[in-house]
Every structure is written in structure tokens, then in C-alpha cells.
N, C-alpha and C. Protein backbone atom coordinates (compact mmCIF):
# COMPACT_ATOMS: atom_id res chain seq x y z
N ALA A 1 -47.52 71.74 -19.85
CA ALA A 1 -47.96 71.37 -18.51
C ALA A 1 -49.30 72.02 -18.23
N GLN A 2 -50.17 71.25 -17.62
CA GLN A 2 -51.50 71.74 -17.27
C GLN A 2 -51.45 72.53 -15.97
N GLN A 3 -52.38 73.45 -15.83
CA GLN A 3 -52.51 74.23 -14.60
C GLN A 3 -53.12 73.34 -13.52
N PRO A 4 -52.67 73.46 -12.28
CA PRO A 4 -53.28 72.70 -11.18
C PRO A 4 -54.78 72.98 -11.11
N GLY A 5 -55.54 71.90 -10.92
CA GLY A 5 -56.99 72.03 -10.80
C GLY A 5 -57.74 71.90 -12.11
N THR A 6 -57.03 71.87 -13.24
CA THR A 6 -57.71 71.71 -14.51
C THR A 6 -57.89 70.23 -14.81
N PRO A 7 -58.93 69.88 -15.57
CA PRO A 7 -59.15 68.46 -15.87
C PRO A 7 -58.04 67.90 -16.76
N LEU A 8 -57.91 66.59 -16.72
CA LEU A 8 -56.95 65.91 -17.57
C LEU A 8 -57.38 66.01 -19.03
N SER A 9 -56.41 65.98 -19.92
CA SER A 9 -56.72 65.93 -21.35
C SER A 9 -57.25 64.53 -21.68
N ASP A 10 -57.76 64.35 -22.89
CA ASP A 10 -58.26 63.04 -23.30
C ASP A 10 -57.15 61.99 -23.21
N GLN A 11 -55.96 62.34 -23.66
CA GLN A 11 -54.83 61.42 -23.61
C GLN A 11 -54.45 61.11 -22.15
N GLU A 12 -54.46 62.12 -21.29
CA GLU A 12 -54.13 61.91 -19.88
C GLU A 12 -55.17 61.02 -19.20
N TYR A 13 -56.46 61.21 -19.54
CA TYR A 13 -57.51 60.34 -18.98
C TYR A 13 -57.29 58.91 -19.42
N HIS A 14 -56.96 58.73 -20.69
CA HIS A 14 -56.73 57.39 -21.20
C HIS A 14 -55.59 56.72 -20.43
N GLN A 15 -54.50 57.41 -20.24
CA GLN A 15 -53.36 56.87 -19.50
C GLN A 15 -53.73 56.58 -18.05
N PHE A 16 -54.44 57.50 -17.42
CA PHE A 16 -54.84 57.35 -16.02
C PHE A 16 -55.71 56.11 -15.83
N PHE A 17 -56.73 55.96 -16.66
CA PHE A 17 -57.64 54.83 -16.49
C PHE A 17 -57.03 53.52 -16.98
N ARG A 18 -56.11 53.58 -17.93
CA ARG A 18 -55.45 52.36 -18.38
C ARG A 18 -54.66 51.76 -17.23
N SER A 19 -53.96 52.59 -16.47
CA SER A 19 -53.19 52.06 -15.34
C SER A 19 -54.11 51.51 -14.25
N LEU A 20 -55.26 52.14 -14.05
CA LEU A 20 -56.20 51.62 -13.05
C LEU A 20 -56.76 50.28 -13.47
N ARG A 21 -57.09 50.14 -14.74
CA ARG A 21 -57.63 48.87 -15.23
C ARG A 21 -56.58 47.77 -15.11
N THR A 22 -55.34 48.09 -15.36
CA THR A 22 -54.28 47.10 -15.25
C THR A 22 -54.14 46.60 -13.82
N ALA A 23 -54.11 47.52 -12.85
CA ALA A 23 -54.02 47.12 -11.44
C ALA A 23 -55.26 46.33 -11.04
N HIS A 24 -56.43 46.73 -11.56
CA HIS A 24 -57.66 46.00 -11.25
C HIS A 24 -57.58 44.57 -11.78
N ARG A 25 -57.06 44.41 -12.98
CA ARG A 25 -56.91 43.06 -13.54
C ARG A 25 -55.94 42.24 -12.70
N ALA A 26 -54.86 42.84 -12.28
CA ALA A 26 -53.88 42.12 -11.46
C ALA A 26 -54.51 41.71 -10.13
N SER A 27 -55.27 42.59 -9.51
CA SER A 27 -55.89 42.24 -8.23
C SER A 27 -56.95 41.16 -8.42
N THR A 28 -57.63 41.15 -9.57
CA THR A 28 -58.60 40.10 -9.87
C THR A 28 -57.90 38.76 -10.02
N ALA A 29 -56.76 38.74 -10.70
CA ALA A 29 -55.98 37.51 -10.83
C ALA A 29 -55.53 37.02 -9.46
N CYS A 30 -55.17 37.95 -8.58
CA CYS A 30 -54.77 37.57 -7.21
C CYS A 30 -55.94 36.98 -6.44
N LEU A 31 -57.12 37.53 -6.64
CA LEU A 31 -58.31 36.99 -5.98
C LEU A 31 -58.57 35.56 -6.46
N LEU A 32 -58.47 35.33 -7.76
CA LEU A 32 -58.63 33.97 -8.29
C LEU A 32 -57.60 33.02 -7.69
N ARG A 33 -56.36 33.49 -7.58
CA ARG A 33 -55.29 32.67 -7.01
C ARG A 33 -55.61 32.33 -5.55
N ALA A 34 -56.09 33.32 -4.79
CA ALA A 34 -56.41 33.08 -3.38
C ALA A 34 -57.59 32.13 -3.23
N LEU A 35 -58.59 32.27 -4.09
CA LEU A 35 -59.78 31.43 -4.00
C LEU A 35 -59.55 30.00 -4.45
N TYR A 36 -58.79 29.84 -5.54
CA TYR A 36 -58.71 28.53 -6.18
C TYR A 36 -57.34 27.87 -6.13
N GLY A 37 -56.30 28.64 -5.79
CA GLY A 37 -54.96 28.07 -5.71
C GLY A 37 -54.27 27.97 -7.06
N CYS A 38 -53.01 27.65 -7.00
CA CYS A 38 -52.18 27.63 -8.20
C CYS A 38 -52.46 26.45 -9.12
N GLN A 39 -53.14 25.44 -8.62
CA GLN A 39 -53.43 24.28 -9.47
C GLN A 39 -54.68 24.47 -10.31
N ASN A 40 -55.41 25.54 -10.10
CA ASN A 40 -56.60 25.83 -10.89
C ASN A 40 -56.20 26.08 -12.34
N PRO A 41 -56.90 25.48 -13.30
CA PRO A 41 -56.54 25.65 -14.71
C PRO A 41 -56.51 27.10 -15.18
N LEU A 42 -57.43 27.93 -14.71
CA LEU A 42 -57.43 29.34 -15.11
C LEU A 42 -56.20 30.06 -14.56
N VAL A 43 -55.88 29.81 -13.31
CA VAL A 43 -54.70 30.42 -12.69
C VAL A 43 -53.44 29.95 -13.41
N GLN A 44 -53.39 28.67 -13.75
CA GLN A 44 -52.23 28.15 -14.47
C GLN A 44 -52.10 28.80 -15.85
N ARG A 45 -53.24 29.03 -16.53
CA ARG A 45 -53.17 29.70 -17.83
C ARG A 45 -52.65 31.13 -17.69
N LEU A 46 -53.06 31.82 -16.63
CA LEU A 46 -52.54 33.16 -16.38
C LEU A 46 -51.03 33.13 -16.12
N ASP A 47 -50.59 32.15 -15.33
CA ASP A 47 -49.16 32.01 -15.05
C ASP A 47 -48.38 31.68 -16.31
N GLU A 48 -48.94 30.81 -17.14
CA GLU A 48 -48.29 30.48 -18.41
C GLU A 48 -48.21 31.70 -19.32
N TYR A 49 -49.29 32.45 -19.37
CA TYR A 49 -49.31 33.65 -20.20
C TYR A 49 -48.23 34.64 -19.76
N GLU A 50 -48.11 34.80 -18.44
CA GLU A 50 -47.11 35.73 -17.91
C GLU A 50 -45.69 35.27 -18.21
N ASN A 51 -45.50 33.98 -18.42
CA ASN A 51 -44.16 33.42 -18.60
C ASN A 51 -43.96 32.79 -19.98
N HIS A 52 -44.60 33.34 -20.98
CA HIS A 52 -44.45 32.89 -22.37
C HIS A 52 -44.71 31.41 -22.55
N GLY A 53 -45.75 30.91 -21.89
CA GLY A 53 -46.21 29.55 -22.14
C GLY A 53 -45.72 28.47 -21.20
N VAL A 54 -44.80 28.78 -20.31
CA VAL A 54 -44.28 27.76 -19.39
C VAL A 54 -44.18 28.37 -17.99
N ILE A 55 -44.76 27.67 -17.00
CA ILE A 55 -44.65 28.12 -15.62
C ILE A 55 -43.26 27.71 -15.12
N PRO A 56 -42.44 28.68 -14.70
CA PRO A 56 -41.09 28.33 -14.25
C PRO A 56 -41.10 27.44 -13.01
N GLU A 57 -40.17 26.52 -12.98
CA GLU A 57 -40.01 25.69 -11.79
C GLU A 57 -39.06 26.39 -10.85
N GLY A 58 -39.14 26.06 -9.58
CA GLY A 58 -38.34 26.75 -8.58
C GLY A 58 -36.90 26.32 -8.57
N PRO A 59 -36.07 26.99 -7.84
CA PRO A 59 -36.40 28.23 -7.13
C PRO A 59 -36.49 29.42 -8.10
N ILE A 60 -37.21 30.43 -7.66
CA ILE A 60 -37.47 31.62 -8.46
C ILE A 60 -36.65 32.78 -7.90
N CYS A 61 -35.95 33.47 -8.76
CA CYS A 61 -35.23 34.69 -8.38
C CYS A 61 -36.09 35.87 -8.81
N SER A 62 -36.16 36.90 -7.98
CA SER A 62 -37.00 38.05 -8.30
C SER A 62 -36.20 39.34 -8.23
N GLU A 63 -36.85 40.41 -8.67
CA GLU A 63 -36.27 41.74 -8.59
C GLU A 63 -36.52 42.40 -7.24
N LEU A 64 -37.10 41.68 -6.30
CA LEU A 64 -37.43 42.25 -4.99
C LEU A 64 -36.19 42.37 -4.12
N PRO A 65 -35.84 43.57 -3.71
CA PRO A 65 -34.69 43.70 -2.81
C PRO A 65 -35.00 43.10 -1.45
N GLY A 66 -34.09 42.33 -0.93
CA GLY A 66 -34.28 41.73 0.39
C GLY A 66 -35.03 40.41 0.37
N THR A 67 -35.73 40.10 -0.69
CA THR A 67 -36.46 38.84 -0.82
C THR A 67 -36.22 38.29 -2.23
N PRO A 68 -35.01 37.89 -2.52
CA PRO A 68 -34.70 37.55 -3.90
C PRO A 68 -35.10 36.14 -4.35
N PHE A 69 -35.33 35.19 -3.41
CA PHE A 69 -35.58 33.81 -3.80
C PHE A 69 -36.90 33.30 -3.25
N PHE A 70 -37.59 32.52 -4.08
CA PHE A 70 -38.84 31.87 -3.69
C PHE A 70 -38.74 30.42 -4.15
N PRO A 71 -39.36 29.48 -3.41
CA PRO A 71 -39.23 28.07 -3.77
C PRO A 71 -39.88 27.71 -5.11
N ASP A 72 -40.93 28.46 -5.51
CA ASP A 72 -41.60 28.19 -6.78
C ASP A 72 -42.38 29.43 -7.23
N PHE A 73 -42.90 29.36 -8.44
CA PHE A 73 -43.60 30.52 -8.99
C PHE A 73 -44.89 30.81 -8.22
N CYS A 74 -45.55 29.78 -7.74
CA CYS A 74 -46.78 29.97 -6.96
C CYS A 74 -46.50 30.79 -5.70
N THR A 75 -45.46 30.46 -4.98
CA THR A 75 -45.09 31.20 -3.77
C THR A 75 -44.76 32.64 -4.10
N PHE A 76 -44.00 32.83 -5.18
CA PHE A 76 -43.67 34.18 -5.63
C PHE A 76 -44.93 34.97 -5.95
N SER A 77 -45.86 34.36 -6.66
CA SER A 77 -47.09 35.05 -7.05
C SER A 77 -47.94 35.40 -5.83
N PHE A 78 -48.04 34.48 -4.87
CA PHE A 78 -48.77 34.78 -3.65
C PHE A 78 -48.13 35.95 -2.90
N TYR A 79 -46.82 35.96 -2.83
CA TYR A 79 -46.11 37.05 -2.17
C TYR A 79 -46.42 38.37 -2.85
N ARG A 80 -46.34 38.37 -4.16
CA ARG A 80 -46.64 39.57 -4.94
C ARG A 80 -48.07 40.06 -4.66
N CYS A 81 -49.00 39.13 -4.60
CA CYS A 81 -50.40 39.48 -4.35
C CYS A 81 -50.60 40.05 -2.95
N THR A 82 -50.02 39.39 -1.96
CA THR A 82 -50.24 39.85 -0.58
C THR A 82 -49.62 41.21 -0.33
N ARG A 83 -48.54 41.52 -1.04
CA ARG A 83 -47.88 42.82 -0.89
C ARG A 83 -48.41 43.88 -1.86
N LYS A 84 -49.33 43.46 -2.74
CA LYS A 84 -49.90 44.34 -3.78
C LYS A 84 -48.80 44.97 -4.62
N ARG A 85 -47.79 44.16 -4.91
CA ARG A 85 -46.69 44.56 -5.80
C ARG A 85 -46.82 43.71 -7.05
N TYR A 86 -47.93 43.93 -7.75
CA TYR A 86 -48.37 43.06 -8.83
C TYR A 86 -47.38 42.91 -9.98
N PHE A 87 -46.57 43.91 -10.23
CA PHE A 87 -45.80 43.92 -11.46
C PHE A 87 -44.32 43.64 -11.26
N ILE A 88 -43.95 43.09 -10.11
CA ILE A 88 -42.58 42.66 -9.88
C ILE A 88 -42.32 41.43 -10.76
N LYS A 89 -41.18 41.39 -11.40
CA LYS A 89 -40.87 40.29 -12.31
C LYS A 89 -39.89 39.31 -11.68
N VAL A 90 -39.87 38.11 -12.28
CA VAL A 90 -38.89 37.11 -11.87
C VAL A 90 -37.65 37.25 -12.71
């Protein structure tokens, strides 16, 4: 364990910035979704990538407590984006 106030190790920096880059990528995908909608070919490719090549048809069940069902993947993705809960899965 490191002493409080000491800099992160090289491995700790790598882990720290890797998680920031991942959230940044997710927020960028959300921006594309908000600007162009779910019918945009780039957004559809991202959705396909996230779902092993096929965008699931609705209704969508999620791991979100209290909000388990969405009419389609687009609605689920918008919800995830607006709540900044980028990594919730279906």
C-alpha cells in the first residue's frame, strides 16, 4: 500500500487513465447517439459491436434496479447515457 500523498506507480497510473479513457469513449458514443440518433450507421455499428453483431429487439431487460424493462435497445441506451451509467448491461 502506498502512503497517502505519494504519486501513483506506473501500473496505478495506467489503470487510472485506462478507466478515464473508457468513460470518455462511452460519453463520446452517447454524444453521437444524441446528435444523430439510433438510426445513424455509426451508432448502429457501435450497438452491434456491444451486442456481438446484432442489435437486440425489444423489449430489453436490464440490470438496473427499479427500471428493468425498456421497449428497445435504443431507449435503453439513451437512458444509460442520460444517467451516465454507461456500463449497465442488458
